[in-house]
């Protein structure tokens, strides 16, 4: 019995010191300043043009606005391919304050291409694609809005469509 009491007298202070040291290390680790990753805003679209495009009627160019959206845009519902690029005519409405961009995704959500940021009263005709897409391929057009000063999300919309064919333009 005496050996057991002696062992407890020795072990208890050792365990208490170990616990205190572990607690101190944990508190230090949780409270030390964390390095924050430097935020890099997305680039602006270098091919963007001013104004509203003159779009062929067969491309299904429309403005799919729904109540509650914080920005307006127009885009082609009948996406065609021209020289390895998707013809989308993504247009940021003049009355917007939000910046917008578009991603073309396959039906599994894999990104096939994207634009840079488009300012209000600008449009971009094409989105370069990472691979060839045959007519009838199901795709998603994801349009994302960003607040101009903070680049925080202003919401997103996803449109399901298919590649409609080769454009003559």
Protein backbone atom coordinates (compact mmCIF):
# COMPACT_ATOMS: atom_id res chain seq x y z
CA UNK A 1 0.00 0.00 0.00
CA UNK A 2 2.84 2.37 0.83
CA UNK A 3 4.35 1.84 -2.61
CA UNK A 4 1.06 2.76 -4.20
CA UNK A 5 0.72 5.98 -2.17
CA UNK A 6 4.32 6.91 -2.94
CA UNK A 7 3.70 6.28 -6.65
CA UNK A 8 0.57 8.46 -6.55
CA UNK A 9 2.51 11.23 -4.78
CA UNK A 10 5.13 11.20 -7.55
CA UNK A 11 2.81 10.70 -10.55
CA UNK A 12 0.15 13.26 -9.64
CA UNK A 13 2.49 16.29 -9.79
CA UNK A 14 4.09 14.97 -13.02
CA UNK A 15 0.67 14.54 -14.65
CA UNK A 16 -0.44 17.97 -13.47
CA UNK A 17 2.69 19.57 -14.98
CA UNK A 18 2.16 17.69 -18.26
CA UNK A 19 -1.50 18.75 -18.40
CA UNK A 20 -0.60 22.39 -17.67
CA UNK A 21 2.10 22.34 -20.37
CA UNK A 22 -0.30 20.84 -22.94
CA UNK A 23 -2.94 23.41 -22.05
CA UNK A 24 -0.43 26.26 -22.39
CA UNK A 25 0.71 25.01 -25.83
CA UNK A 26 -2.91 24.72 -26.99
CA UNK A 27 -3.78 28.24 -25.79
CA UNK A 28 -0.68 29.64 -27.48
CA UNK A 29 -1.47 27.86 -30.76
CA UNK A 30 -5.07 29.07 -30.80
CA UNK A 31 -4.20 32.67 -29.97
CA UNK A 32 -1.20 33.31 -32.17
CA UNK A 33 -1.80 35.57 -35.17
CA UNK A 34 -2.74 33.64 -38.30
CA UNK A 35 -1.29 34.60 -41.66
CA UNK A 36 -4.14 35.45 -43.99
CA UNK A 37 -3.88 34.51 -47.63
CA UNK A 38 -3.61 37.56 -49.84
CA UNK A 39 -6.86 38.08 -51.77
CA UNK A 40 -6.45 38.56 -55.49
CA UNK A 41 -9.55 39.86 -57.25
CA UNK A 42 -10.58 38.05 -60.44
CA UNK A 43 -9.27 39.72 -63.62
CA UNK A 44 -11.46 41.84 -65.86
CA UNK A 45 -12.37 40.46 -69.28
CA UNK A 46 -9.91 41.84 -71.84
CA UNK A 47 -12.26 41.08 -74.76
CA UNK A 48 -15.24 42.94 -73.25
CA UNK A 49 -16.93 45.49 -75.48
CA UNK A 50 -19.04 48.51 -74.54
CA UNK A 51 -22.78 48.59 -75.08
CA UNK A 52 -25.38 46.01 -76.04
CA UNK A 53 -24.59 43.51 -78.81
CA UNK A 54 -26.60 42.90 -81.95
CA UNK A 55 -27.29 39.17 -81.52
CA UNK A 56 -28.73 36.84 -84.19
CA UNK A 57 -32.29 35.85 -83.27
CA UNK A 58 -31.63 32.09 -83.48
CA UNK A 59 -29.24 32.20 -80.49
CA UNK A 60 -32.07 32.72 -77.99
CA UNK A 61 -30.56 35.85 -76.44
CA UNK A 62 -32.64 36.80 -73.38
CA UNK A 63 -32.58 38.32 -69.90
CA UNK A 64 -33.62 35.61 -67.43
CA UNK A 65 -34.35 37.96 -64.52
CA UNK A 66 -36.28 36.73 -61.47
CA UNK A 67 -37.67 38.77 -58.60
CA UNK A 68 -35.09 39.26 -55.87
CA UNK A 69 -31.99 39.09 -58.10
CA UNK A 70 -29.54 41.92 -57.36
CA UNK A 71 -28.41 42.38 -60.98
CA UNK A 72 -29.60 41.84 -64.54
CA UNK A 73 -27.81 40.12 -67.39
CA UNK A 74 -28.50 38.75 -70.85
CA UNK A 75 -27.05 35.60 -72.39
CA UNK A 76 -27.67 33.19 -75.27
CA UNK A 77 -29.76 30.16 -74.43
CA UNK A 78 -28.75 28.44 -77.67
CA UNK A 79 -24.99 28.24 -77.23
CA UNK A 80 -23.08 27.57 -80.44
CA UNK A 81 -19.41 26.85 -81.08
CA UNK A 82 -17.17 29.03 -83.21
CA UNK A 83 -13.46 28.29 -83.49
CA UNK A 84 -13.32 26.32 -80.23
CA UNK A 85 -15.17 29.05 -78.33
CA UNK A 86 -18.72 29.11 -77.01
CA UNK A 87 -20.80 31.98 -78.41
CA UNK A 88 -22.66 33.37 -75.37
CA UNK A 89 -22.97 37.16 -75.74
CA UNK A 90 -22.96 37.60 -71.95
CA UNK A 91 -24.12 41.17 -71.29
CA UNK A 92 -24.01 43.10 -68.03
CA UNK A 93 -26.98 45.52 -68.01
CA UNK A 94 -26.15 49.21 -67.95
CA UNK A 95 -28.25 49.84 -64.81
CA UNK A 96 -26.27 47.31 -62.74
CA UNK A 97 -23.65 48.14 -60.17
CA UNK A 98 -22.50 44.50 -59.93
CA UNK A 99 -19.65 43.02 -61.91
CA UNK A 100 -20.48 39.68 -63.53
CA UNK A 101 -18.68 36.69 -64.99
CA UNK A 102 -19.73 33.43 -66.60
CA UNK A 103 -18.52 29.87 -66.22
CA UNK A 104 -19.36 27.11 -68.66
CA UNK A 105 -19.67 23.78 -66.82
CA UNK A 106 -20.31 20.28 -68.09
CA UNK A 107 -23.24 18.31 -66.67
CA UNK A 108 -20.97 17.01 -63.85
CA UNK A 109 -19.99 20.54 -62.79
CA UNK A 110 -16.47 20.44 -64.30
CA UNK A 111 -15.42 23.87 -65.53
CA UNK A 112 -14.93 24.06 -69.30
CA UNK A 113 -14.24 27.80 -69.55
CA UNK A 114 -14.91 31.17 -67.96
CA UNK A 115 -14.88 34.86 -68.70
CA UNK A 116 -13.19 37.56 -66.71
CA UNK A 117 -15.25 40.19 -64.90
CA UNK A 118 -17.58 42.24 -67.04
CA UNK A 119 -18.50 45.78 -66.00
CA UNK A 120 -21.98 47.28 -66.35
CA UNK A 121 -22.79 48.22 -69.98
CA UNK A 122 -20.26 45.71 -71.32
CA UNK A 123 -20.60 42.34 -73.04
CA UNK A 124 -18.40 39.48 -74.15
CA UNK A 125 -19.24 37.39 -77.20
CA UNK A 126 -17.09 34.30 -76.56
CA UNK A 127 -15.89 31.99 -73.82
CA UNK A 128 -12.79 29.92 -74.67
CA UNK A 129 -13.35 26.23 -73.92
CA UNK A 130 -10.86 23.69 -72.60
CA UNK A 131 -12.08 20.96 -74.93
CA UNK A 132 -14.25 20.41 -77.99
CA UNK A 133 -17.95 19.96 -77.33
CA UNK A 134 -20.12 18.25 -79.94
CA UNK A 135 -23.61 19.45 -80.78
CA UNK A 136 -26.11 18.27 -78.18
CA UNK A 137 -23.65 18.29 -75.26
CA UNK A 138 -25.42 19.29 -72.04
CA UNK A 139 -23.82 22.29 -70.35
CA UNK A 140 -24.55 24.75 -67.55
CA UNK A 141 -24.00 28.48 -67.76
CA UNK A 142 -23.25 29.83 -64.30
CA UNK A 143 -23.48 33.61 -64.08
CA UNK A 144 -21.95 35.07 -60.92
CA UNK A 145 -22.29 38.62 -59.64
CA UNK A 146 -19.77 40.48 -57.49
CA UNK A 147 -19.97 43.69 -55.50
CA UNK A 148 -17.58 46.14 -57.20
CA UNK A 149 -15.62 47.32 -54.13
CA UNK A 150 -15.42 44.15 -52.04
CA UNK A 151 -15.81 41.37 -54.64
CA UNK A 152 -18.31 39.71 -52.33
CA UNK A 153 -20.98 37.62 -54.00
CA UNK A 154 -24.00 39.44 -55.38
CA UNK A 155 -25.62 36.07 -56.16
CA UNK A 156 -25.44 33.51 -58.92
CA UNK A 157 -27.76 31.98 -61.50
CA UNK A 158 -27.31 28.70 -63.37
CA UNK A 159 -28.92 28.00 -66.73
CA UNK A 160 -29.04 24.49 -68.18
CA UNK A 161 -28.74 24.23 -71.96
CA UNK A 162 -27.04 22.25 -74.71
CA UNK A 163 -24.57 23.06 -77.44
CA UNK A 164 -26.82 23.98 -80.36
CA UNK A 165 -24.47 23.65 -83.29
CA UNK A 166 -21.83 25.50 -85.23
CA UNK A 167 -22.25 29.25 -85.66
CA UNK A 168 -21.55 30.80 -89.05
CA UNK A 169 -20.42 34.06 -87.51
